[in-house]
Every structure is written in C-alpha cells, then in structure tokens.
Amino acid sequence: MEFKDCTVGTKVKITGTIIEGINNDLSVHVRLPDDEETYISPCDLEPASLKYDPKRKFKRGDIVRPDYKGRKWAGMLDEGIDYEVLEDESHNGQVLIKIDKRIDPNGRGFVDFSRLALIQPIEKRPCPYYIYESRNCFKIRVKLTDKINPVVYCVFFGAGTGVTKNEARLKAQDLWFEKRREYRESLKN
C-alpha cells in the first residue's frame, strides 16, 4: 500500500483501521481488532477490500498476483510475485501469464482466474514511451523492461541537418504524443 492511500478510516488487511493520519512520513496510526493501537509502515499494509471490480475479466497487460485460498501444493506459483497477463481471459476462465522460464521453458503458463488477484489493470499502467535527449538528437524510446529500451524514433538536430534543437524537441514531442495516443487506443481493444 502506498503512503498516499493511507487515509483515516481505510480498512487494511491486518484487520485494523487507520485512525490517525501520520506519525511521520514512515508510519500510520492503526487500531487493531482488540482495540490495541500501533504505528505501522504503509508498505506493510494492504487494503482489506478489493480495489477493482471483481467481475472484471483479466486483460492482456494486467499485472496479477496468485491468491490461493485453501490447500497449496509444491507446484503452485509464489504468492508474493507479480505476473503479467499475456492474453485476455478465455471463455472458460483460464488466464495466460508470463512466468519464469525455470518453471516452464516457454515462459508462459495458464492459471485459473479464481486463483489470481488483480494488482494493476492495464488501464492504470503508465505509458511506456518517453523522450530521451542525446548529443545531437531526441530519441523516442519504449520501455520494455528495466534494461531493454529500444529507440522507436530519432529526431536529429544541429550541424548539416537544417533543424534547430528547439524544432527537433517540438517534433519529438509531437511523435511522443502520437505514440502515447496509439498506446491508449490499443488499451481499448
């Protein structure tokens, strides 16, 4: 749970209630079921109720986390790890997610929708495109992973191009807005 979500009255998963805003930037005042009061770090709290509509089907690009109820067996995915949905939920409730290649050589696996909790819907994920200024150009890149950020467009300026730095910046912004619009449109499909 993020600090900004810690408001007075918010029910949290430790079955407590936030009763006072903040002690400092690192903790919130929480009342436990036995009327005991304590200070807890926001990163140790989770909302007690679902943040998203439980009837919503999983979509490609959603971030999910396994949420097992009842018995567990050795082959189940770790509950503390987030996974990306690779395809929309099927008509029979199966969800294809990206998993570690040590678990499956293809890096994909099906999980029943009832065993997943939605952590971040695709609609709330930030746009992966960004502008990066290098020595003589503005690059529009797409963030695929923490280490892979390929260049989509490159707008050059300076000597021999006839384009000023400001003109190149404006063109790069136009291209970035267009890529962002295309990205948002793709989320609607």
N, C-alpha and C. Protein backbone atom coordinates (compact mmCIF):
# COMPACT_ATOMS: atom_id res chain seq x y z
N MET A 1 0.86 -1.17 0.00
CA MET A 1 0.00 0.00 0.00
C MET A 1 0.90 1.23 0.00
N GLU A 2 0.56 2.22 -0.78
CA GLU A 2 1.37 3.42 -0.84
C GLU A 2 0.94 4.43 0.21
N PHE A 3 1.86 5.27 0.59
CA PHE A 3 1.62 6.24 1.65
C PHE A 3 0.41 7.13 1.34
N LYS A 4 0.27 7.54 0.06
CA LYS A 4 -0.82 8.44 -0.32
C LYS A 4 -2.20 7.78 -0.15
N ASP A 5 -2.24 6.42 -0.13
CA ASP A 5 -3.50 5.71 0.03
C ASP A 5 -3.90 5.53 1.50
N CYS A 6 -3.03 5.90 2.42
CA CYS A 6 -3.27 5.72 3.85
C CYS A 6 -4.06 6.89 4.40
N THR A 7 -5.37 6.80 4.29
CA THR A 7 -6.23 7.87 4.79
C THR A 7 -7.00 7.36 6.01
N VAL A 8 -7.40 8.25 6.86
CA VAL A 8 -8.13 7.91 8.08
C VAL A 8 -9.40 7.15 7.71
N GLY A 9 -9.63 6.01 8.35
CA GLY A 9 -10.81 5.20 8.12
C GLY A 9 -10.61 4.07 7.12
N THR A 10 -9.49 4.05 6.41
CA THR A 10 -9.23 2.98 5.44
C THR A 10 -9.03 1.66 6.16
N LYS A 11 -9.81 0.64 5.78
CA LYS A 11 -9.65 -0.69 6.35
C LYS A 11 -8.45 -1.34 5.68
N VAL A 12 -7.63 -2.04 6.47
CA VAL A 12 -6.44 -2.68 5.94
C VAL A 12 -6.44 -4.17 6.26
N LYS A 13 -5.65 -4.93 5.54
CA LYS A 13 -5.68 -6.39 5.60
C LYS A 13 -5.27 -6.97 6.94
N ILE A 14 -4.53 -6.26 7.75
CA ILE A 14 -4.19 -6.80 9.07
C ILE A 14 -5.40 -6.70 9.99
N THR A 15 -6.54 -6.41 9.43
CA THR A 15 -7.80 -6.25 10.12
C THR A 15 -7.72 -5.14 11.15
N GLY A 16 -7.15 -4.06 10.71
CA GLY A 16 -7.10 -2.87 11.53
C GLY A 16 -7.72 -1.72 10.76
N THR A 17 -7.82 -0.57 11.40
CA THR A 17 -8.36 0.62 10.76
C THR A 17 -7.42 1.78 11.02
N ILE A 18 -7.11 2.53 9.98
CA ILE A 18 -6.27 3.70 10.14
C ILE A 18 -7.09 4.74 10.89
N ILE A 19 -6.61 5.20 12.05
CA ILE A 19 -7.39 6.12 12.88
C ILE A 19 -6.79 7.52 12.92
N GLU A 20 -5.55 7.64 12.55
CA GLU A 20 -4.91 8.94 12.58
C GLU A 20 -4.00 9.01 11.38
N GLY A 21 -3.97 10.16 10.71
CA GLY A 21 -3.16 10.32 9.51
C GLY A 21 -1.78 9.75 9.61
N ILE A 22 -0.85 10.51 10.10
CA ILE A 22 0.53 10.05 10.09
C ILE A 22 1.23 10.41 11.39
N ASN A 23 2.12 9.53 11.80
CA ASN A 23 3.00 9.81 12.92
C ASN A 23 4.19 10.59 12.37
N ASN A 24 4.70 10.13 11.25
CA ASN A 24 5.75 10.79 10.48
C ASN A 24 5.62 10.25 9.07
N ASP A 25 6.57 10.50 8.21
CA ASP A 25 6.47 10.01 6.83
C ASP A 25 6.63 8.50 6.71
N LEU A 26 6.95 7.83 7.81
CA LEU A 26 7.25 6.41 7.74
C LEU A 26 6.18 5.52 8.34
N SER A 27 5.20 6.07 9.05
CA SER A 27 4.22 5.19 9.68
C SER A 27 2.86 5.87 9.80
N VAL A 28 1.83 5.01 9.95
CA VAL A 28 0.46 5.47 10.18
C VAL A 28 -0.05 4.83 11.47
N HIS A 29 -0.99 5.50 12.12
CA HIS A 29 -1.56 5.04 13.39
C HIS A 29 -2.73 4.12 13.06
N VAL A 30 -2.69 2.87 13.55
CA VAL A 30 -3.69 1.86 13.21
C VAL A 30 -4.30 1.28 14.48
N ARG A 31 -5.64 1.07 14.47
CA ARG A 31 -6.33 0.40 15.58
C ARG A 31 -6.59 -1.04 15.17
N LEU A 32 -6.14 -1.98 15.99
CA LEU A 32 -6.31 -3.41 15.73
C LEU A 32 -7.64 -3.88 16.30
N PRO A 33 -8.12 -5.10 15.93
CA PRO A 33 -9.44 -5.56 16.38
C PRO A 33 -9.61 -5.60 17.90
N ASP A 34 -8.55 -5.86 18.65
CA ASP A 34 -8.67 -5.92 20.11
C ASP A 34 -8.54 -4.54 20.75
N ASP A 35 -8.76 -3.48 19.96
CA ASP A 35 -8.69 -2.07 20.37
C ASP A 35 -7.29 -1.63 20.75
N GLU A 36 -6.29 -2.44 20.46
CA GLU A 36 -4.91 -2.02 20.66
C GLU A 36 -4.54 -1.08 19.51
N GLU A 37 -3.73 -0.08 19.81
CA GLU A 37 -3.31 0.88 18.79
C GLU A 37 -1.81 0.76 18.59
N THR A 38 -1.37 0.90 17.31
CA THR A 38 0.05 0.78 17.00
C THR A 38 0.38 1.62 15.77
N TYR A 39 1.65 1.83 15.53
CA TYR A 39 2.11 2.53 14.33
C TYR A 39 2.72 1.49 13.38
N ILE A 40 2.31 1.55 12.10
CA ILE A 40 2.77 0.57 11.12
C ILE A 40 3.21 1.29 9.85
N SER A 41 4.24 0.78 9.20
CA SER A 41 4.71 1.34 7.94
C SER A 41 3.68 1.07 6.83
N PRO A 42 3.41 2.05 5.97
CA PRO A 42 2.44 1.85 4.88
C PRO A 42 2.79 0.69 3.95
N CYS A 43 4.08 0.39 3.78
CA CYS A 43 4.46 -0.71 2.88
C CYS A 43 4.06 -2.06 3.46
N ASP A 44 3.73 -2.13 4.76
CA ASP A 44 3.30 -3.38 5.38
C ASP A 44 1.78 -3.53 5.38
N LEU A 45 1.08 -2.57 4.82
CA LEU A 45 -0.37 -2.59 4.82
C LEU A 45 -0.91 -2.90 3.42
N GLU A 46 -2.06 -3.56 3.38
CA GLU A 46 -2.79 -3.76 2.14
C GLU A 46 -4.24 -3.45 2.42
N PRO A 47 -4.96 -2.85 1.45
CA PRO A 47 -6.38 -2.59 1.67
C PRO A 47 -7.14 -3.89 1.95
N ALA A 48 -8.12 -3.84 2.85
CA ALA A 48 -8.88 -5.04 3.21
C ALA A 48 -9.87 -5.41 2.12
N SER A 49 -10.32 -4.45 1.34
CA SER A 49 -11.29 -4.74 0.28
C SER A 49 -10.62 -4.65 -1.08
N LEU A 50 -11.25 -5.27 -2.07
CA LEU A 50 -10.72 -5.23 -3.43
C LEU A 50 -10.74 -3.82 -3.97
N LYS A 51 -9.66 -3.47 -4.66
CA LYS A 51 -9.56 -2.16 -5.25
C LYS A 51 -10.31 -2.08 -6.58
N TYR A 52 -10.45 -3.23 -7.24
CA TYR A 52 -11.03 -3.27 -8.58
C TYR A 52 -12.25 -4.17 -8.60
N ASP A 53 -13.09 -3.98 -9.58
CA ASP A 53 -14.33 -4.74 -9.73
C ASP A 53 -14.02 -6.23 -9.85
N PRO A 54 -14.53 -7.06 -8.95
CA PRO A 54 -14.22 -8.49 -9.00
C PRO A 54 -14.84 -9.19 -10.22
N LYS A 55 -15.82 -8.57 -10.88
CA LYS A 55 -16.45 -9.17 -12.06
C LYS A 55 -15.66 -8.89 -13.34
N ARG A 56 -14.72 -7.97 -13.27
CA ARG A 56 -13.92 -7.61 -14.44
C ARG A 56 -13.06 -8.79 -14.87
N LYS A 57 -13.07 -9.10 -16.17
CA LYS A 57 -12.22 -10.17 -16.69
C LYS A 57 -10.80 -9.65 -16.85
N PHE A 58 -9.82 -10.55 -16.72
CA PHE A 58 -8.43 -10.16 -16.88
C PHE A 58 -8.14 -9.86 -18.34
N LYS A 59 -7.32 -8.81 -18.57
CA LYS A 59 -6.99 -8.39 -19.93
C LYS A 59 -5.48 -8.46 -20.13
N ARG A 60 -5.09 -8.57 -21.39
CA ARG A 60 -3.67 -8.59 -21.75
C ARG A 60 -3.00 -7.33 -21.22
N GLY A 61 -1.89 -7.50 -20.50
CA GLY A 61 -1.15 -6.37 -19.94
C GLY A 61 -1.44 -6.11 -18.48
N ASP A 62 -2.50 -6.71 -17.92
CA ASP A 62 -2.78 -6.56 -16.49
C ASP A 62 -1.62 -7.15 -15.68
N ILE A 63 -1.45 -6.62 -14.48
CA ILE A 63 -0.49 -7.20 -13.54
C ILE A 63 -1.32 -7.92 -12.47
N VAL A 64 -1.00 -9.20 -12.26
CA VAL A 64 -1.76 -10.03 -11.32
C VAL A 64 -0.82 -10.70 -10.32
N ARG A 65 -1.40 -11.22 -9.27
CA ARG A 65 -0.64 -11.94 -8.25
C ARG A 65 -1.46 -13.17 -7.85
N PRO A 66 -0.82 -14.32 -7.72
CA PRO A 66 -1.56 -15.51 -7.26
C PRO A 66 -2.17 -15.26 -5.88
N ASP A 67 -3.38 -15.73 -5.71
CA ASP A 67 -4.12 -15.54 -4.46
C ASP A 67 -4.82 -16.86 -4.15
N TYR A 68 -4.10 -17.76 -3.53
CA TYR A 68 -4.64 -19.09 -3.26
C TYR A 68 -5.44 -19.10 -1.98
N LYS A 69 -6.53 -19.79 -2.04
CA LYS A 69 -7.36 -19.98 -0.86
C LYS A 69 -7.41 -21.49 -0.61
N GLY A 70 -7.19 -21.89 0.59
CA GLY A 70 -7.22 -23.32 0.88
C GLY A 70 -5.85 -23.97 0.77
N ARG A 71 -5.85 -25.24 0.41
CA ARG A 71 -4.61 -26.02 0.38
C ARG A 71 -3.70 -25.58 -0.76
N LYS A 72 -2.39 -25.73 -0.52
CA LYS A 72 -1.39 -25.42 -1.53
C LYS A 72 -0.55 -26.66 -1.79
N TRP A 73 0.00 -26.75 -3.00
CA TRP A 73 0.91 -27.84 -3.32
C TRP A 73 2.20 -27.26 -3.89
N ALA A 74 3.23 -28.08 -3.95
CA ALA A 74 4.57 -27.61 -4.29
C ALA A 74 4.67 -26.93 -5.66
N GLY A 75 3.84 -27.29 -6.62
CA GLY A 75 3.93 -26.74 -7.97
C GLY A 75 3.25 -25.40 -8.17
N MET A 76 2.70 -24.81 -7.13
CA MET A 76 1.99 -23.54 -7.27
C MET A 76 2.96 -22.37 -7.37
N LEU A 77 2.54 -21.31 -8.05
CA LEU A 77 3.36 -20.10 -8.18
C LEU A 77 3.44 -19.38 -6.84
N ASP A 78 4.53 -18.67 -6.61
CA ASP A 78 4.71 -17.90 -5.38
C ASP A 78 3.66 -16.80 -5.29
N GLU A 79 3.07 -16.64 -4.11
CA GLU A 79 2.03 -15.62 -3.93
C GLU A 79 2.58 -14.20 -3.87
N GLY A 80 3.84 -14.03 -3.52
CA GLY A 80 4.38 -12.69 -3.37
C GLY A 80 4.91 -12.06 -4.65
N ILE A 81 4.79 -12.75 -5.78
CA ILE A 81 5.36 -12.27 -7.04
C ILE A 81 4.24 -11.81 -7.97
N ASP A 82 4.48 -10.68 -8.65
CA ASP A 82 3.52 -10.17 -9.63
C ASP A 82 3.84 -10.74 -11.00
N TYR A 83 2.79 -11.01 -11.79
CA TYR A 83 2.93 -11.58 -13.12
C TYR A 83 2.14 -10.73 -14.12
N GLU A 84 2.58 -10.75 -15.38
CA GLU A 84 1.89 -10.01 -16.44
C GLU A 84 0.99 -10.97 -17.21
N VAL A 85 -0.25 -10.52 -17.51
CA VAL A 85 -1.19 -11.31 -18.29
C VAL A 85 -0.82 -11.16 -19.76
N LEU A 86 -0.67 -12.29 -20.47
CA LEU A 86 -0.24 -12.28 -21.87
C LEU A 86 -1.39 -12.27 -22.87
N GLU A 87 -2.55 -12.80 -22.47
CA GLU A 87 -3.74 -12.82 -23.33
C GLU A 87 -4.96 -12.55 -22.47
N ASP A 88 -6.02 -12.04 -23.09
CA ASP A 88 -7.27 -11.82 -22.37
C ASP A 88 -7.76 -13.14 -21.79
N GLU A 89 -8.48 -13.05 -20.68
CA GLU A 89 -9.04 -14.23 -20.02
C GLU A 89 -9.91 -15.00 -21.01
N SER A 90 -9.74 -16.32 -21.06
CA SER A 90 -10.50 -17.15 -22.01
C SER A 90 -11.94 -17.33 -21.53
N HIS A 91 -12.79 -17.84 -22.41
CA HIS A 91 -14.20 -18.04 -22.06
C HIS A 91 -14.38 -19.05 -20.92
N ASN A 92 -13.41 -19.96 -20.74
CA ASN A 92 -13.52 -20.93 -19.65
C ASN A 92 -12.76 -20.51 -18.39
N GLY A 93 -12.31 -19.25 -18.34
CA GLY A 93 -11.70 -18.71 -17.12
C GLY A 93 -10.21 -18.93 -16.97
N GLN A 94 -9.54 -19.38 -18.02
CA GLN A 94 -8.09 -19.58 -17.95
C GLN A 94 -7.38 -18.29 -18.35
N VAL A 95 -6.30 -17.96 -17.62
CA VAL A 95 -5.54 -16.74 -17.86
C VAL A 95 -4.09 -17.14 -18.15
N LEU A 96 -3.58 -16.71 -19.32
CA LEU A 96 -2.20 -17.00 -19.69
C LEU A 96 -1.32 -15.89 -19.14
N ILE A 97 -0.33 -16.28 -18.31
CA ILE A 97 0.56 -15.29 -17.70
C ILE A 97 2.01 -15.60 -18.03
N LYS A 98 2.84 -14.56 -17.93
CA LYS A 98 4.28 -14.72 -18.15
C LYS A 98 4.91 -15.20 -16.85
N ILE A 99 5.61 -16.34 -16.92
CA ILE A 99 6.24 -16.91 -15.72
C ILE A 99 7.72 -17.13 -15.98
N ASP A 100 8.43 -17.48 -14.94
CA ASP A 100 9.87 -17.73 -15.00
C ASP A 100 10.14 -18.94 -15.90
N LYS A 101 11.16 -18.83 -16.77
CA LYS A 101 11.49 -19.92 -17.69
C LYS A 101 12.00 -21.16 -16.97
N ARG A 102 12.38 -21.03 -15.70
CA ARG A 102 12.77 -22.22 -14.93
C ARG A 102 11.55 -23.06 -14.59
N ILE A 103 10.38 -22.43 -14.52
CA ILE A 103 9.15 -23.15 -14.23
C ILE A 103 8.62 -23.80 -15.50
N ASP A 104 8.62 -23.04 -16.61
CA ASP A 104 8.17 -23.53 -17.90
C ASP A 104 9.12 -22.99 -18.96
N PRO A 105 9.66 -23.85 -19.84
CA PRO A 105 10.63 -23.39 -20.83
C PRO A 105 10.10 -22.31 -21.77
N ASN A 106 8.80 -22.27 -21.98
CA ASN A 106 8.20 -21.25 -22.84
C ASN A 106 8.02 -19.91 -22.13
N GLY A 107 8.11 -19.91 -20.81
CA GLY A 107 7.91 -18.68 -20.05
C GLY A 107 6.46 -18.26 -19.97
N ARG A 108 5.55 -19.22 -20.13
CA ARG A 108 4.11 -18.94 -20.10
C ARG A 108 3.40 -20.03 -19.32
N GLY A 109 2.30 -19.69 -18.72
CA GLY A 109 1.53 -20.69 -18.00
C GLY A 109 0.10 -20.24 -17.81
N PHE A 110 -0.82 -21.21 -17.81
CA PHE A 110 -2.23 -20.92 -17.59
C PHE A 110 -2.56 -21.05 -16.11
N VAL A 111 -3.35 -20.11 -15.61
CA VAL A 111 -3.82 -20.12 -14.23
C VAL A 111 -5.31 -19.83 -14.26
N ASP A 112 -6.07 -20.51 -13.42
CA ASP A 112 -7.50 -20.26 -13.33
C ASP A 112 -7.73 -18.87 -12.74
N PHE A 113 -8.71 -18.14 -13.29
CA PHE A 113 -8.97 -16.77 -12.85
C PHE A 113 -9.23 -16.67 -11.35
N SER A 114 -9.81 -17.71 -10.76
CA SER A 114 -10.16 -17.67 -9.34
C SER A 114 -8.94 -17.71 -8.43
N ARG A 115 -7.78 -18.01 -9.00
CA ARG A 115 -6.54 -18.08 -8.22
C ARG A 115 -5.66 -16.85 -8.43
N LEU A 116 -6.23 -15.80 -9.03
CA LEU A 116 -5.46 -14.58 -9.29
C LEU A 116 -6.15 -13.37 -8.70
N ALA A 117 -5.36 -12.43 -8.25
CA ALA A 117 -5.87 -11.13 -7.78
C ALA A 117 -5.30 -10.06 -8.70
N LEU A 118 -6.14 -9.12 -9.09
CA LEU A 118 -5.70 -8.02 -9.96
C LEU A 118 -4.95 -7.00 -9.13
N ILE A 119 -3.69 -6.75 -9.50
CA ILE A 119 -2.86 -5.78 -8.79
C ILE A 119 -2.90 -4.44 -9.50
N GLN A 120 -2.76 -4.45 -10.83
CA GLN A 120 -2.79 -3.21 -11.59
C GLN A 120 -3.40 -3.49 -12.96
N PRO A 121 -4.57 -2.90 -13.25
CA PRO A 121 -5.16 -3.12 -14.57
C PRO A 121 -4.35 -2.38 -15.64
N ILE A 122 -4.44 -2.87 -16.85
CA ILE A 122 -3.70 -2.28 -17.97
C ILE A 122 -4.04 -0.80 -18.13
N GLU A 123 -5.26 -0.43 -17.80
CA GLU A 123 -5.68 0.98 -17.95
C GLU A 123 -4.91 1.91 -17.02
N LYS A 124 -4.39 1.39 -15.91
CA LYS A 124 -3.67 2.22 -14.94
C LYS A 124 -2.15 2.18 -15.13
N ARG A 125 -1.68 1.35 -16.04
CA ARG A 125 -0.24 1.26 -16.25
C ARG A 125 0.25 2.50 -17.00
N PRO A 126 1.41 3.01 -16.65
CA PRO A 126 1.92 4.20 -17.31
C PRO A 126 2.34 3.91 -18.76
N CYS A 127 2.27 4.94 -19.59
CA CYS A 127 2.66 4.82 -20.99
C CYS A 127 4.16 4.48 -21.06
N PRO A 128 4.53 3.46 -21.84
CA PRO A 128 5.94 3.05 -21.87
C PRO A 128 6.84 3.93 -22.73
N TYR A 129 6.27 4.87 -23.48
CA TYR A 129 7.08 5.72 -24.36
C TYR A 129 7.61 6.93 -23.60
N TYR A 130 8.84 7.32 -23.90
CA TYR A 130 9.42 8.51 -23.29
C TYR A 130 10.44 9.13 -24.24
N ILE A 131 10.76 10.42 -23.99
CA ILE A 131 11.73 11.15 -24.82
C ILE A 131 13.06 11.21 -24.08
N TYR A 132 14.11 10.93 -24.83
CA TYR A 132 15.47 10.94 -24.27
C TYR A 132 16.33 11.83 -25.16
N GLU A 133 17.01 12.80 -24.58
CA GLU A 133 17.88 13.69 -25.36
C GLU A 133 19.31 13.16 -25.32
N SER A 134 19.86 12.94 -26.50
CA SER A 134 21.27 12.56 -26.58
C SER A 134 22.05 13.72 -27.19
N ARG A 135 23.27 13.48 -27.58
CA ARG A 135 24.17 14.56 -28.01
C ARG A 135 23.62 15.39 -29.18
N ASN A 136 23.10 14.76 -30.22
CA ASN A 136 22.63 15.52 -31.38
C ASN A 136 21.25 15.09 -31.86
N CYS A 137 20.47 14.47 -30.98
CA CYS A 137 19.12 14.08 -31.38
C CYS A 137 18.23 13.85 -30.15
N PHE A 138 16.94 13.84 -30.42
CA PHE A 138 15.94 13.46 -29.41
C PHE A 138 15.43 12.08 -29.82
N LYS A 139 15.47 11.13 -28.90
CA LYS A 139 15.03 9.77 -29.19
C LYS A 139 13.72 9.49 -28.46
N ILE A 140 12.79 8.87 -29.16
CA ILE A 140 11.58 8.38 -28.52
C ILE A 140 11.83 6.90 -28.31
N ARG A 141 11.82 6.50 -27.05
CA ARG A 141 12.11 5.11 -26.69
C ARG A 141 10.86 4.48 -26.06
N VAL A 142 10.85 3.17 -26.05
CA VAL A 142 9.78 2.43 -25.40
C VAL A 142 10.42 1.54 -24.35
N LYS A 143 9.90 1.62 -23.13
CA LYS A 143 10.44 0.81 -22.03
C LYS A 143 9.76 -0.55 -22.04
N LEU A 144 10.53 -1.56 -22.45
CA LEU A 144 10.01 -2.93 -22.46
C LEU A 144 10.30 -3.63 -21.14
N THR A 145 11.54 -3.46 -20.65
CA THR A 145 11.93 -3.99 -19.35
C THR A 145 12.86 -2.95 -18.72
N ASP A 146 13.39 -3.25 -17.55
CA ASP A 146 14.31 -2.32 -16.90
C ASP A 146 15.57 -2.10 -17.71
N LYS A 147 15.96 -3.09 -18.51
CA LYS A 147 17.21 -2.99 -19.25
C LYS A 147 17.03 -2.85 -20.75
N ILE A 148 15.85 -3.12 -21.28
CA ILE A 148 15.62 -3.07 -22.73
C ILE A 148 14.71 -1.88 -23.05
N ASN A 149 15.28 -0.87 -23.73
CA ASN A 149 14.55 0.35 -24.10
C ASN A 149 14.90 0.73 -25.54
N PRO A 150 14.37 0.02 -26.53
CA PRO A 150 14.75 0.33 -27.92
C PRO A 150 14.25 1.70 -28.38
N VAL A 151 14.97 2.26 -29.35
CA VAL A 151 14.61 3.54 -29.94
C VAL A 151 13.51 3.31 -30.99
N VAL A 152 12.44 4.08 -30.91
CA VAL A 152 11.35 3.99 -31.87
C VAL A 152 11.53 5.04 -32.96
N TYR A 153 11.83 6.28 -32.55
CA TYR A 153 12.09 7.38 -33.47
C TYR A 153 13.33 8.13 -32.99
N CYS A 154 14.00 8.81 -33.94
CA CYS A 154 15.13 9.65 -33.60
C CYS A 154 15.03 10.92 -34.44
N VAL A 155 14.98 12.09 -33.80
CA VAL A 155 14.88 13.37 -34.49
C VAL A 155 16.21 14.10 -34.31
N PHE A 156 16.95 14.24 -35.42
CA PHE A 156 18.28 14.85 -35.37
C PHE A 156 18.19 16.38 -35.47
N PHE A 157 19.18 17.05 -34.89
CA PHE A 157 19.29 18.50 -34.99
C PHE A 157 20.77 18.86 -35.06
N GLY A 158 21.03 20.12 -35.40
CA GLY A 158 22.42 20.59 -35.39
C GLY A 158 23.03 20.67 -36.75
N ALA A 159 24.35 20.61 -36.78
CA ALA A 159 25.14 20.83 -37.99
C ALA A 159 24.71 19.93 -39.14
N GLY A 160 24.45 20.56 -40.29
CA GLY A 160 24.14 19.84 -41.52
C GLY A 160 22.71 19.34 -41.63
N THR A 161 21.90 19.47 -40.59
CA THR A 161 20.52 18.97 -40.66
C THR A 161 19.52 20.05 -41.03
N GLY A 162 19.88 21.32 -40.76
CA GLY A 162 18.94 22.41 -41.01
C GLY A 162 17.82 22.48 -40.00
N VAL A 163 17.95 21.75 -38.88
CA VAL A 163 16.92 21.71 -37.84
C VAL A 163 17.54 22.19 -36.54
N THR A 164 16.87 23.15 -35.90
CA THR A 164 17.37 23.64 -34.61
C THR A 164 16.99 22.66 -33.50
N LYS A 165 17.63 22.81 -32.38
CA LYS A 165 17.35 21.94 -31.23
C LYS A 165 15.90 22.09 -30.78
N ASN A 166 15.39 23.32 -30.77
CA ASN A 166 14.02 23.57 -30.36
C ASN A 166 13.02 22.93 -31.33
N GLU A 167 13.28 23.04 -32.64
CA GLU A 167 12.39 22.42 -33.64
C GLU A 167 12.39 20.90 -33.47
N ALA A 168 13.57 20.34 -33.23
CA ALA A 168 13.67 18.89 -33.03
C ALA A 168 12.92 18.46 -31.78
N ARG A 169 13.01 19.25 -30.71
CA ARG A 169 12.30 18.94 -29.46
C ARG A 169 10.79 18.94 -29.69
N LEU A 170 10.30 19.95 -30.43
CA LEU A 170 8.86 20.03 -30.71
C LEU A 170 8.39 18.84 -31.55
N LYS A 171 9.18 18.46 -32.56
CA LYS A 171 8.83 17.31 -33.40
C LYS A 171 8.84 16.03 -32.58
N ALA A 172 9.82 15.88 -31.70
CA ALA A 172 9.90 14.69 -30.83
C ALA A 172 8.68 14.63 -29.90
N GLN A 173 8.26 15.79 -29.39
CA GLN A 173 7.07 15.82 -28.54
C GLN A 173 5.82 15.43 -29.31
N ASP A 174 5.72 15.91 -30.57
CA ASP A 174 4.57 15.52 -31.41
C ASP A 174 4.55 14.01 -31.63
N LEU A 175 5.70 13.43 -31.93
CA LEU A 175 5.79 11.99 -32.14
C LEU A 175 5.46 11.22 -30.87
N TRP A 176 5.94 11.73 -29.72
CA TRP A 176 5.66 11.10 -28.44
C TRP A 176 4.16 11.13 -28.13
N PHE A 177 3.51 12.29 -28.38
CA PHE A 177 2.06 12.39 -28.16
C PHE A 177 1.32 11.39 -29.03
N GLU A 178 1.77 11.24 -30.28
CA GLU A 178 1.12 10.30 -31.20
C GLU A 178 1.29 8.85 -30.72
N LYS A 179 2.50 8.48 -30.29
CA LYS A 179 2.74 7.13 -29.78
C LYS A 179 1.93 6.88 -28.51
N ARG A 180 1.83 7.90 -27.67
CA ARG A 180 1.04 7.78 -26.44
C ARG A 180 -0.44 7.58 -26.78
N ARG A 181 -0.93 8.34 -27.77
CA ARG A 181 -2.33 8.20 -28.19
C ARG A 181 -2.58 6.78 -28.73
N GLU A 182 -1.66 6.28 -29.58
CA GLU A 182 -1.79 4.93 -30.12
C GLU A 182 -1.78 3.90 -29.00
N TYR A 183 -0.93 4.11 -28.01
CA TYR A 183 -0.87 3.18 -26.87
C TYR A 183 -2.20 3.17 -26.12
N ARG A 184 -2.75 4.34 -25.84
CA ARG A 184 -4.04 4.43 -25.13
C ARG A 184 -5.16 3.78 -25.96
N GLU A 185 -5.13 3.98 -27.28
CA GLU A 185 -6.14 3.37 -28.15
C GLU A 185 -6.03 1.85 -28.11
N SER A 186 -4.80 1.33 -28.07
CA SER A 186 -4.61 -0.12 -28.05
C SER A 186 -5.17 -0.73 -26.77
N LEU A 187 -5.25 0.03 -25.70
CA LEU A 187 -5.79 -0.47 -24.43
C LEU A 187 -7.30 -0.67 -24.52
N LYS A 188 -7.94 0.07 -25.41
CA LYS A 188 -9.40 -0.02 -25.52
C LYS A 188 -9.84 -1.27 -26.27
N ASN A 189 -8.94 -1.85 -27.06
CA ASN A 189 -9.28 -3.05 -27.85
C ASN A 189 -9.17 -4.31 -27.04
